[in-house]
N, C-alpha and C. Protein backbone atom coordinates (compact mmCIF):
# COMPACT_ATOMS: atom_id res chain seq x y z
N MET A 1 -50.92 69.19 94.32
CA MET A 1 -52.36 69.02 94.39
C MET A 1 -52.96 68.90 92.99
N LYS A 2 -52.50 69.75 92.07
CA LYS A 2 -53.03 69.73 90.71
C LYS A 2 -52.65 68.42 90.01
N LYS A 3 -51.41 67.95 90.25
CA LYS A 3 -50.98 66.69 89.65
C LYS A 3 -51.81 65.53 90.15
N ARG A 4 -52.13 65.56 91.44
CA ARG A 4 -52.92 64.48 92.03
C ARG A 4 -54.33 64.46 91.45
N LEU A 5 -54.92 65.64 91.26
CA LEU A 5 -56.25 65.73 90.67
C LEU A 5 -56.23 65.22 89.23
N LEU A 6 -55.22 65.62 88.46
CA LEU A 6 -55.11 65.15 87.08
C LEU A 6 -54.91 63.64 87.02
N TYR A 7 -54.12 63.10 87.96
CA TYR A 7 -53.93 61.65 88.02
C TYR A 7 -55.25 60.96 88.33
N TYR A 8 -55.98 61.48 89.30
CA TYR A 8 -57.26 60.88 89.68
C TYR A 8 -58.22 60.90 88.50
N LEU A 9 -58.28 62.02 87.78
CA LEU A 9 -59.19 62.11 86.64
C LEU A 9 -58.76 61.19 85.50
N SER A 10 -57.45 61.04 85.30
CA SER A 10 -57.00 60.15 84.23
C SER A 10 -57.27 58.68 84.55
N VAL A 11 -57.11 58.30 85.82
CA VAL A 11 -57.37 56.92 86.21
C VAL A 11 -58.86 56.62 86.20
N ASN A 12 -59.68 57.58 86.58
CA ASN A 12 -61.12 57.37 86.73
C ASN A 12 -61.93 58.07 85.64
N LYS A 13 -61.41 58.13 84.43
CA LYS A 13 -62.10 58.90 83.38
C LYS A 13 -63.50 58.36 83.08
N TRP A 14 -63.68 57.06 83.07
CA TRP A 14 -65.01 56.50 82.80
C TRP A 14 -65.95 56.74 83.97
N LEU A 15 -65.42 56.66 85.16
CA LEU A 15 -66.23 56.93 86.35
C LEU A 15 -66.71 58.38 86.35
N VAL A 16 -65.83 59.30 86.00
CA VAL A 16 -66.19 60.72 85.92
C VAL A 16 -67.25 60.92 84.84
N LEU A 17 -67.10 60.23 83.71
CA LEU A 17 -68.10 60.33 82.63
C LEU A 17 -69.47 59.86 83.11
N PHE A 18 -69.52 58.72 83.77
CA PHE A 18 -70.80 58.21 84.28
C PHE A 18 -71.37 59.14 85.35
N PHE A 19 -70.49 59.75 86.14
CA PHE A 19 -70.93 60.70 87.16
C PHE A 19 -71.62 61.89 86.50
N PHE A 20 -71.02 62.43 85.45
CA PHE A 20 -71.62 63.58 84.78
C PHE A 20 -72.89 63.20 84.02
N ILE A 21 -72.94 62.00 83.48
CA ILE A 21 -74.18 61.52 82.86
C ILE A 21 -75.28 61.49 83.91
N GLY A 22 -74.96 61.04 85.11
CA GLY A 22 -75.93 61.03 86.20
C GLY A 22 -76.40 62.42 86.57
N ILE A 23 -75.49 63.38 86.58
CA ILE A 23 -75.87 64.76 86.91
C ILE A 23 -76.81 65.31 85.85
N VAL A 24 -76.51 65.08 84.58
CA VAL A 24 -77.38 65.58 83.50
C VAL A 24 -78.75 64.91 83.57
N ALA A 25 -78.77 63.60 83.75
CA ALA A 25 -80.04 62.88 83.80
C ALA A 25 -80.87 63.32 85.01
N SER A 26 -80.22 63.50 86.15
CA SER A 26 -80.99 63.92 87.33
C SER A 26 -81.46 65.36 87.21
N SER A 27 -80.72 66.19 86.50
CA SER A 27 -81.19 67.56 86.27
C SER A 27 -82.42 67.58 85.38
N ILE A 28 -82.44 66.73 84.37
CA ILE A 28 -83.62 66.62 83.50
C ILE A 28 -84.81 66.10 84.29
N LEU A 29 -84.57 65.07 85.11
CA LEU A 29 -85.65 64.55 85.95
C LEU A 29 -86.12 65.58 86.97
N GLY A 30 -85.19 66.37 87.48
CA GLY A 30 -85.56 67.42 88.43
C GLY A 30 -86.45 68.47 87.79
N TYR A 31 -86.14 68.84 86.57
CA TYR A 31 -86.99 69.80 85.85
C TYR A 31 -88.39 69.21 85.66
N TRP A 32 -88.44 67.95 85.25
CA TRP A 32 -89.74 67.29 85.06
C TRP A 32 -90.49 67.22 86.39
N PHE A 33 -89.76 66.88 87.44
CA PHE A 33 -90.38 66.72 88.76
C PHE A 33 -91.02 68.03 89.22
N PHE A 34 -90.27 69.12 89.15
CA PHE A 34 -90.81 70.40 89.62
C PHE A 34 -91.92 70.93 88.71
N SER A 35 -91.91 70.51 87.46
CA SER A 35 -92.92 71.01 86.52
C SER A 35 -94.23 70.24 86.58
N TYR A 36 -94.19 68.93 86.81
CA TYR A 36 -95.38 68.12 86.61
C TYR A 36 -95.85 67.30 87.81
N CYS A 37 -95.09 67.22 88.88
CA CYS A 37 -95.47 66.33 89.99
C CYS A 37 -96.20 67.08 91.10
N SER A 38 -97.20 66.41 91.66
CA SER A 38 -97.89 66.95 92.83
C SER A 38 -97.24 66.39 94.09
N ILE A 39 -97.69 66.86 95.25
CA ILE A 39 -97.13 66.39 96.52
C ILE A 39 -97.40 64.90 96.73
N LEU A 40 -98.61 64.43 96.38
CA LEU A 40 -98.93 63.01 96.56
C LEU A 40 -98.05 62.13 95.68
N GLU A 41 -97.82 62.57 94.44
CA GLU A 41 -96.94 61.81 93.56
C GLU A 41 -95.51 61.82 94.11
N ALA A 42 -95.11 62.95 94.67
CA ALA A 42 -93.76 63.07 95.22
C ALA A 42 -93.54 62.07 96.36
N GLU A 43 -94.55 61.89 97.20
CA GLU A 43 -94.41 60.92 98.30
C GLU A 43 -94.31 59.49 97.78
N LYS A 44 -95.09 59.17 96.74
CA LYS A 44 -94.99 57.84 96.14
C LYS A 44 -93.62 57.62 95.52
N ILE A 45 -93.15 58.63 94.80
CA ILE A 45 -91.82 58.54 94.18
C ILE A 45 -90.76 58.37 95.24
N SER A 46 -90.89 59.11 96.34
CA SER A 46 -89.90 59.05 97.41
C SER A 46 -89.82 57.66 98.02
N LYS A 47 -90.95 57.03 98.26
CA LYS A 47 -90.95 55.68 98.83
C LYS A 47 -90.31 54.68 97.87
N SER A 48 -90.61 54.82 96.58
CA SER A 48 -90.01 53.91 95.59
C SER A 48 -88.50 54.11 95.51
N VAL A 49 -88.07 55.37 95.52
CA VAL A 49 -86.64 55.65 95.45
C VAL A 49 -85.94 55.15 96.71
N LEU A 50 -86.58 55.29 97.85
CA LEU A 50 -85.99 54.78 99.09
C LEU A 50 -85.82 53.27 99.04
N THR A 51 -86.83 52.57 98.54
CA THR A 51 -86.75 51.11 98.41
C THR A 51 -85.62 50.71 97.48
N MET A 52 -85.56 51.35 96.32
CA MET A 52 -84.51 51.01 95.36
C MET A 52 -83.13 51.37 95.89
N SER A 53 -83.02 52.47 96.62
CA SER A 53 -81.72 52.87 97.19
C SER A 53 -81.21 51.85 98.19
N THR A 54 -82.10 51.36 99.04
CA THR A 54 -81.66 50.38 100.04
C THR A 54 -81.23 49.07 99.38
N ILE A 55 -81.95 48.66 98.35
CA ILE A 55 -81.59 47.43 97.64
C ILE A 55 -80.24 47.59 96.95
N LEU A 56 -80.06 48.72 96.25
CA LEU A 56 -78.81 48.93 95.53
C LEU A 56 -77.64 49.20 96.47
N THR A 57 -77.91 49.73 97.66
CA THR A 57 -76.85 49.86 98.66
C THR A 57 -76.35 48.48 99.06
N GLY A 58 -77.27 47.55 99.25
CA GLY A 58 -76.88 46.18 99.56
C GLY A 58 -76.07 45.54 98.45
N PHE A 59 -76.48 45.76 97.21
CA PHE A 59 -75.70 45.22 96.08
C PHE A 59 -74.31 45.85 96.03
N SER A 60 -74.22 47.15 96.32
CA SER A 60 -72.92 47.82 96.30
C SER A 60 -72.00 47.27 97.38
N TYR A 61 -72.55 47.04 98.57
CA TYR A 61 -71.75 46.44 99.66
C TYR A 61 -71.30 45.03 99.27
N THR A 62 -72.17 44.27 98.67
CA THR A 62 -71.82 42.91 98.25
C THR A 62 -70.71 42.95 97.21
N THR A 63 -70.83 43.84 96.25
CA THR A 63 -69.81 43.97 95.21
C THR A 63 -68.48 44.36 95.83
N LEU A 64 -68.51 45.30 96.76
CA LEU A 64 -67.28 45.71 97.43
C LEU A 64 -66.66 44.54 98.20
N GLY A 65 -67.49 43.75 98.86
CA GLY A 65 -67.00 42.60 99.60
C GLY A 65 -66.35 41.57 98.69
N VAL A 66 -66.94 41.32 97.55
CA VAL A 66 -66.36 40.36 96.61
C VAL A 66 -65.05 40.90 96.05
N MET A 67 -65.00 42.20 95.76
CA MET A 67 -63.75 42.77 95.24
C MET A 67 -62.64 42.70 96.29
N VAL A 68 -62.98 42.91 97.55
CA VAL A 68 -61.98 42.78 98.61
C VAL A 68 -61.52 41.32 98.70
N ASN A 69 -62.44 40.39 98.52
CA ASN A 69 -62.09 38.98 98.54
C ASN A 69 -61.15 38.62 97.38
N PHE A 70 -61.32 39.29 96.24
CA PHE A 70 -60.43 39.05 95.10
C PHE A 70 -58.98 39.42 95.42
N LEU A 71 -58.77 40.27 96.41
CA LEU A 71 -57.41 40.68 96.76
C LEU A 71 -56.58 39.54 97.32
N SER A 72 -57.22 38.43 97.69
CA SER A 72 -56.46 37.27 98.15
C SER A 72 -55.80 36.54 96.97
N ASN A 73 -56.25 36.81 95.76
CA ASN A 73 -55.65 36.24 94.57
C ASN A 73 -54.28 36.91 94.34
N LYS A 74 -53.25 36.12 94.08
CA LYS A 74 -51.89 36.66 93.93
C LYS A 74 -51.79 37.64 92.77
N THR A 75 -52.39 37.31 91.65
CA THR A 75 -52.32 38.18 90.47
C THR A 75 -53.00 39.52 90.75
N ILE A 76 -54.15 39.47 91.38
CA ILE A 76 -54.89 40.68 91.70
C ILE A 76 -54.12 41.51 92.72
N LYS A 77 -53.49 40.85 93.69
CA LYS A 77 -52.73 41.56 94.71
C LYS A 77 -51.57 42.33 94.08
N GLU A 78 -50.93 41.73 93.08
CA GLU A 78 -49.83 42.41 92.37
C GLU A 78 -50.36 43.64 91.62
N ASP A 79 -51.51 43.47 90.98
CA ASP A 79 -52.09 44.59 90.23
C ASP A 79 -52.56 45.70 91.15
N GLN A 80 -53.01 45.35 92.33
CA GLN A 80 -53.48 46.36 93.28
C GLN A 80 -52.34 47.28 93.70
N LYS A 81 -51.14 46.72 93.79
CA LYS A 81 -49.99 47.55 94.16
C LYS A 81 -49.75 48.63 93.11
N GLY A 82 -50.08 48.34 91.86
CA GLY A 82 -49.90 49.33 90.79
C GLY A 82 -51.09 50.25 90.62
N GLY A 83 -52.12 50.08 91.44
CA GLY A 83 -53.29 50.96 91.35
C GLY A 83 -54.32 50.52 90.33
N TYR A 84 -54.22 49.28 89.85
CA TYR A 84 -55.12 48.79 88.81
C TYR A 84 -56.58 48.78 89.27
N LEU A 85 -56.80 48.47 90.54
CA LEU A 85 -58.17 48.33 91.04
C LEU A 85 -58.75 49.62 91.64
N ASP A 86 -57.98 50.68 91.64
CA ASP A 86 -58.48 51.93 92.23
C ASP A 86 -59.78 52.39 91.60
N GLU A 87 -59.85 52.31 90.29
CA GLU A 87 -61.06 52.74 89.58
C GLU A 87 -62.27 51.90 90.00
N TYR A 88 -62.06 50.62 90.20
CA TYR A 88 -63.14 49.72 90.58
C TYR A 88 -63.63 50.03 91.99
N PHE A 89 -62.68 50.20 92.92
CA PHE A 89 -63.06 50.51 94.30
C PHE A 89 -63.69 51.90 94.40
N ASN A 90 -63.19 52.86 93.65
CA ASN A 90 -63.77 54.20 93.68
C ASN A 90 -65.21 54.20 93.22
N ALA A 91 -65.52 53.41 92.20
CA ALA A 91 -66.91 53.30 91.73
C ALA A 91 -67.80 52.72 92.83
N SER A 92 -67.28 51.74 93.54
CA SER A 92 -68.04 51.14 94.63
C SER A 92 -68.26 52.14 95.76
N TYR A 93 -67.22 52.89 96.12
CA TYR A 93 -67.35 53.88 97.18
C TYR A 93 -68.35 54.97 96.81
N LEU A 94 -68.29 55.44 95.57
CA LEU A 94 -69.20 56.50 95.15
C LEU A 94 -70.65 56.03 95.13
N SER A 95 -70.89 54.84 94.60
CA SER A 95 -72.27 54.37 94.56
C SER A 95 -72.81 54.18 95.98
N LEU A 96 -71.97 53.66 96.87
CA LEU A 96 -72.39 53.53 98.27
C LEU A 96 -72.69 54.89 98.89
N ALA A 97 -71.87 55.86 98.59
CA ALA A 97 -72.07 57.20 99.16
C ALA A 97 -73.39 57.80 98.70
N PHE A 98 -73.66 57.76 97.40
CA PHE A 98 -74.87 58.39 96.89
C PHE A 98 -76.13 57.65 97.34
N PHE A 99 -76.10 56.33 97.35
CA PHE A 99 -77.26 55.59 97.83
C PHE A 99 -77.45 55.78 99.33
N SER A 100 -76.36 55.87 100.07
CA SER A 100 -76.46 56.06 101.52
C SER A 100 -77.01 57.44 101.88
N ILE A 101 -76.74 58.44 101.06
CA ILE A 101 -77.32 59.77 101.28
C ILE A 101 -78.84 59.71 101.13
N ASN A 102 -79.31 58.89 100.20
CA ASN A 102 -80.74 58.79 99.94
C ASN A 102 -81.54 58.25 101.12
N ILE A 103 -80.95 57.37 101.87
CA ILE A 103 -81.71 56.69 102.92
C ILE A 103 -82.17 57.65 104.01
N PRO A 104 -81.28 58.46 104.61
CA PRO A 104 -81.79 59.40 105.63
C PRO A 104 -82.73 60.45 105.05
N VAL A 105 -82.46 60.89 103.82
CA VAL A 105 -83.36 61.87 103.19
C VAL A 105 -84.75 61.24 103.00
N GLY A 106 -84.79 59.98 102.58
CA GLY A 106 -86.07 59.29 102.42
C GLY A 106 -86.82 59.15 103.73
N PHE A 107 -86.09 58.86 104.81
CA PHE A 107 -86.75 58.77 106.11
C PHE A 107 -87.29 60.12 106.57
N LEU A 108 -86.57 61.20 106.28
CA LEU A 108 -87.07 62.53 106.62
C LEU A 108 -88.38 62.82 105.89
N ILE A 109 -88.47 62.36 104.64
CA ILE A 109 -89.68 62.60 103.85
C ILE A 109 -90.83 61.76 104.39
N ILE A 110 -90.57 60.49 104.65
CA ILE A 110 -91.63 59.59 105.12
C ILE A 110 -92.13 60.02 106.50
N LEU A 111 -91.22 60.40 107.38
CA LEU A 111 -91.62 60.82 108.73
C LEU A 111 -92.20 62.23 108.75
N ASP A 112 -92.14 62.92 107.63
CA ASP A 112 -92.70 64.27 107.48
C ASP A 112 -92.13 65.21 108.53
N VAL A 113 -90.81 65.13 108.71
CA VAL A 113 -90.13 65.95 109.71
C VAL A 113 -90.09 67.41 109.27
N ILE A 114 -89.78 67.63 108.01
CA ILE A 114 -89.67 68.99 107.48
C ILE A 114 -90.67 69.13 106.34
N SER A 115 -91.92 69.39 106.66
CA SER A 115 -92.97 69.37 105.63
C SER A 115 -92.83 70.50 104.62
N ARG A 116 -92.30 71.66 105.02
CA ARG A 116 -92.16 72.77 104.07
C ARG A 116 -91.10 72.48 103.01
N LEU A 117 -90.15 71.65 103.33
CA LEU A 117 -89.06 71.36 102.40
C LEU A 117 -89.23 70.01 101.70
N GLU A 118 -90.41 69.44 101.76
CA GLU A 118 -90.61 68.09 101.23
C GLU A 118 -90.30 68.01 99.74
N THR A 119 -90.72 68.99 98.97
CA THR A 119 -90.47 68.97 97.52
C THR A 119 -88.98 69.02 97.24
N ILE A 120 -88.28 69.85 97.96
CA ILE A 120 -86.83 69.96 97.76
C ILE A 120 -86.13 68.67 98.19
N LEU A 121 -86.59 68.07 99.29
CA LEU A 121 -86.00 66.82 99.75
C LEU A 121 -86.22 65.69 98.74
N VAL A 122 -87.41 65.64 98.15
CA VAL A 122 -87.67 64.61 97.14
C VAL A 122 -86.78 64.84 95.93
N PHE A 123 -86.62 66.10 95.54
CA PHE A 123 -85.72 66.39 94.42
C PHE A 123 -84.30 65.95 94.74
N LEU A 124 -83.82 66.26 95.95
CA LEU A 124 -82.47 65.84 96.33
C LEU A 124 -82.35 64.32 96.35
N GLN A 125 -83.39 63.67 96.81
CA GLN A 125 -83.38 62.21 96.84
C GLN A 125 -83.27 61.65 95.43
N ILE A 126 -84.06 62.19 94.52
CA ILE A 126 -84.00 61.73 93.12
C ILE A 126 -82.65 62.06 92.52
N PHE A 127 -82.15 63.26 92.80
CA PHE A 127 -80.86 63.70 92.25
C PHE A 127 -79.75 62.74 92.66
N PHE A 128 -79.63 62.45 93.96
CA PHE A 128 -78.58 61.55 94.42
C PHE A 128 -78.82 60.11 93.96
N PHE A 129 -80.07 59.72 93.84
CA PHE A 129 -80.36 58.36 93.39
C PHE A 129 -79.92 58.16 91.94
N VAL A 130 -80.23 59.10 91.08
CA VAL A 130 -79.88 58.95 89.65
C VAL A 130 -78.37 58.97 89.47
N ILE A 131 -77.68 59.84 90.20
CA ILE A 131 -76.21 59.84 90.12
C ILE A 131 -75.66 58.51 90.64
N GLY A 132 -76.19 58.06 91.76
CA GLY A 132 -75.75 56.77 92.31
C GLY A 132 -76.05 55.62 91.36
N LEU A 133 -77.19 55.69 90.68
CA LEU A 133 -77.56 54.64 89.73
C LEU A 133 -76.61 54.62 88.54
N SER A 134 -76.24 55.79 88.04
CA SER A 134 -75.32 55.81 86.90
C SER A 134 -73.95 55.29 87.30
N VAL A 135 -73.49 55.65 88.50
CA VAL A 135 -72.21 55.14 88.99
C VAL A 135 -72.31 53.63 89.26
N PHE A 136 -73.47 53.19 89.75
CA PHE A 136 -73.68 51.77 89.99
C PHE A 136 -73.64 50.97 88.69
N MET A 137 -74.19 51.51 87.62
CA MET A 137 -74.12 50.82 86.33
C MET A 137 -72.67 50.67 85.89
N TYR A 138 -71.86 51.71 86.12
CA TYR A 138 -70.44 51.61 85.82
C TYR A 138 -69.77 50.57 86.72
N LEU A 139 -70.17 50.54 87.97
CA LEU A 139 -69.62 49.56 88.91
C LEU A 139 -69.90 48.14 88.42
N ILE A 140 -71.07 47.89 87.90
CA ILE A 140 -71.41 46.56 87.39
C ILE A 140 -70.51 46.20 86.21
N VAL A 141 -70.25 47.16 85.32
CA VAL A 141 -69.34 46.91 84.20
C VAL A 141 -67.94 46.58 84.73
N CYS A 142 -67.46 47.37 85.70
CA CYS A 142 -66.15 47.10 86.29
C CYS A 142 -66.10 45.73 86.95
N TYR A 143 -67.17 45.38 87.63
CA TYR A 143 -67.25 44.09 88.31
C TYR A 143 -67.19 42.95 87.30
N MET A 144 -67.90 43.08 86.20
CA MET A 144 -67.85 42.04 85.16
C MET A 144 -66.45 41.92 84.58
N LEU A 145 -65.79 43.05 84.34
CA LEU A 145 -64.42 43.01 83.82
C LEU A 145 -63.47 42.38 84.82
N LEU A 146 -63.67 42.65 86.10
CA LEU A 146 -62.82 42.07 87.13
C LEU A 146 -63.02 40.55 87.22
N ILE A 147 -64.25 40.12 87.14
CA ILE A 147 -64.52 38.67 87.16
C ILE A 147 -63.88 38.00 85.95
N GLN A 148 -64.00 38.63 84.81
CA GLN A 148 -63.39 38.07 83.59
C GLN A 148 -61.88 38.01 83.74
N TYR A 149 -61.28 39.03 84.32
CA TYR A 149 -59.83 39.07 84.53
C TYR A 149 -59.40 37.95 85.48
N VAL A 150 -60.15 37.75 86.54
CA VAL A 150 -59.81 36.70 87.51
C VAL A 150 -59.94 35.33 86.87
N ARG A 151 -60.97 35.15 86.06
CA ARG A 151 -61.17 33.84 85.43
C ARG A 151 -60.05 33.50 84.46
N HIS A 152 -59.53 34.52 83.75
CA HIS A 152 -58.50 34.24 82.75
C HIS A 152 -57.09 34.24 83.33
N ASN A 153 -56.87 34.99 84.39
CA ASN A 153 -55.52 35.10 84.96
C ASN A 153 -55.37 34.44 86.32
N GLY A 154 -56.50 33.97 86.85
CA GLY A 154 -56.60 33.52 88.20
C GLY A 154 -55.76 32.45 88.70
């Protein structure tokens, strides 16, 4: 188990770095949010975050679809056997996961299902959005590198 975790961290070191950058950034935003935002501002922020989350979820699905399509390339298929694309797919899975968490939380806020917990829900929504955004930025870098690799080795 320990060897597998160390292998995962060594293969995904940049992904882990972007993940922790997202945690730090969302913690700073969370402190700002709890210190300076009112309930009305929180609802506006929540709607904006929900909109951006749904858009970026679509981009993440599209990126994943294109990466799966790249597997039909013989060179890419050979590299996939060696685990070359694991880091790329993991970034896509993580960004999808964090953006997908935002969507139901955003609907709970908009529908005002749990009004006493609205501030906490908005914080969670922002927290998962910022982490998803940082992982998504890494996904875009991976995607550009993959396209460049396909163009030169394709």
